[in-house]
Amino acid sequence: MKHHGRATLTYNGKRLKSKEGATLNLGGTARTPEPLDDGTVGYYETTAAPELSCTVPLTSDLAVQELRDLADANVVFESDTGLSWVIREAFTVDAVSVGREVQLKFSGQPAEQM
């Protein structure tokens, strides 16, 4: 059985040439354990935002300003296992710093498997 090795990232249909190590937190419902004094453990739920993190090399064709200003986009994380997820209404999180590499983080609606 094949295991995840590489991911292809696209935003609004444009491929993002990311380096190895991109990660996706699907978001959705997060459960926090809550121990009770009778020895049982319950939980409460909160909404967790998805988070897609990746690193891209700074090249002359990287649309840095477009990525910095990205909002209301569809961002797709496609694993080489054939599984894919989309974050709808995605936006760039954090300020974008430019150097040899550019760290990018996206969030939006909870990721949905495609």
Protein backbone atom coordinates (compact mmCIF):
# COMPACT_ATOMS: atom_id res chain seq x y z
CA MET A 1 0.00 0.00 0.00
CA LYS A 2 1.37 3.41 -0.99
CA HIS A 3 2.01 5.96 1.75
CA HIS A 4 1.90 9.74 1.38
CA GLY A 5 5.16 11.18 0.11
CA ARG A 6 4.45 14.31 -1.92
CA ALA A 7 1.64 16.82 -2.20
CA THR A 8 0.58 19.02 -5.07
CA LEU A 9 -0.97 22.34 -4.08
CA THR A 10 -3.15 24.51 -6.25
CA TYR A 11 -5.03 27.73 -5.60
CA ASN A 12 -7.79 28.85 -7.95
CA GLY A 13 -6.48 26.31 -10.47
CA LYS A 14 -2.86 27.55 -10.39
CA ARG A 15 -0.16 25.10 -9.30
CA LEU A 16 2.02 26.19 -6.41
CA LYS A 17 5.55 24.77 -6.65
CA SER A 18 5.96 23.89 -2.99
CA LYS A 19 8.85 22.13 -1.31
CA GLU A 20 8.53 18.79 0.42
CA GLY A 21 6.77 18.83 3.77
CA ALA A 22 3.43 20.56 3.10
CA THR A 23 0.86 19.71 5.78
CA LEU A 24 -2.90 19.99 6.06
CA ASN A 25 -4.96 20.15 9.23
CA LEU A 26 -8.50 19.42 8.03
CA GLY A 27 -10.25 21.61 10.61
CA GLY A 28 -13.86 20.96 11.57
CA THR A 29 -14.89 19.81 15.02
CA ALA A 30 -12.23 19.66 17.73
CA ARG A 31 -12.92 17.76 20.93
CA THR A 32 -11.24 18.62 24.21
CA PRO A 33 -11.26 16.01 26.99
CA GLU A 34 -12.78 17.12 30.27
CA PRO A 35 -12.01 14.84 33.25
CA LEU A 36 -14.69 14.82 35.95
CA ASP A 37 -14.25 14.25 39.67
CA ASP A 38 -16.10 10.90 39.52
CA GLY A 39 -13.30 9.44 37.36
CA THR A 40 -15.11 9.67 34.04
CA VAL A 41 -13.97 11.74 31.11
CA GLY A 42 -16.29 13.71 28.88
CA TYR A 43 -15.49 16.25 26.21
CA TYR A 44 -16.65 19.51 24.76
CA GLU A 45 -16.55 20.55 21.13
CA THR A 46 -15.30 23.68 19.41
CA THR A 47 -14.85 24.61 15.77
CA ALA A 48 -11.27 24.34 14.52
CA ALA A 49 -10.10 26.22 11.45
CA PRO A 50 -8.23 24.24 8.79
CA GLU A 51 -4.59 25.07 8.20
CA LEU A 52 -2.50 24.28 5.15
CA SER A 53 1.20 25.10 5.60
CA CYS A 54 3.84 24.95 2.92
CA THR A 55 7.20 26.37 1.89
CA VAL A 56 7.93 27.61 -1.61
CA PRO A 57 11.23 28.78 -3.07
CA LEU A 58 11.39 32.43 -4.06
CA THR A 59 11.59 32.45 -7.86
CA SER A 60 11.02 35.15 -10.46
CA ASP A 61 7.65 33.62 -11.41
CA LEU A 62 6.25 33.35 -7.86
CA ALA A 63 3.20 35.62 -7.53
CA VAL A 64 4.13 36.84 -4.04
CA GLN A 65 1.69 39.75 -3.91
CA GLU A 66 -1.14 37.59 -5.26
CA LEU A 67 -0.44 34.99 -2.56
CA ARG A 68 -0.17 37.67 0.15
CA ASP A 69 -3.56 39.10 -0.85
CA LEU A 70 -5.26 35.74 -1.48
CA ALA A 71 -8.84 35.65 -0.20
CA ASP A 72 -12.01 33.76 -1.12
CA ALA A 73 -10.00 31.15 -3.06
CA ASN A 74 -10.19 27.40 -3.51
CA VAL A 75 -6.98 25.79 -2.27
CA VAL A 76 -6.47 22.09 -3.05
CA PHE A 77 -4.08 19.69 -1.28
CA GLU A 78 -3.56 16.60 -3.44
CA SER A 79 -1.56 13.71 -1.99
CA ASP A 80 0.37 11.34 -4.23
CA THR A 81 -1.80 8.60 -2.71
CA GLY A 82 -4.68 9.93 -4.81
CA LEU A 83 -6.52 11.58 -1.90
CA SER A 84 -7.39 15.27 -2.24
CA TRP A 85 -8.99 17.94 -0.07
CA VAL A 86 -10.21 21.44 -0.86
CA ILE A 87 -10.39 24.44 1.45
CA ARG A 88 -13.09 26.74 0.11
CA GLU A 89 -13.20 30.48 0.78
CA ALA A 90 -9.50 30.16 1.63
CA PHE A 91 -7.29 33.07 2.58
CA THR A 92 -3.64 33.62 3.44
CA VAL A 93 -2.89 33.63 7.17
CA ASP A 94 -0.03 35.69 8.65
CA ALA A 95 2.09 38.28 6.90
CA VAL A 96 4.23 36.91 4.07
CA SER A 97 7.99 37.28 4.52
CA VAL A 98 10.26 37.09 1.50
CA GLY A 99 13.71 35.47 1.63
CA ARG A 100 15.27 32.43 0.04
CA GLU A 101 12.04 30.63 0.84
CA VAL A 102 8.51 31.86 1.45
CA GLN A 103 6.43 30.29 4.22
CA LEU A 104 2.72 30.22 3.39
CA LYS A 105 -0.24 29.33 5.54
CA PHE A 106 -3.85 29.14 4.35
CA SER A 107 -7.13 28.75 6.20
CA GLY A 108 -10.83 29.00 5.33
CA GLN A 109 -13.79 26.64 5.58
CA PRO A 110 -13.11 23.13 6.94
CA ALA A 111 -11.35 20.98 4.33
CA GLU A 112 -13.56 18.64 2.34
CA GLN A 113 -12.32 15.46 0.71
CA MET A 114 -12.75 15.53 -3.07
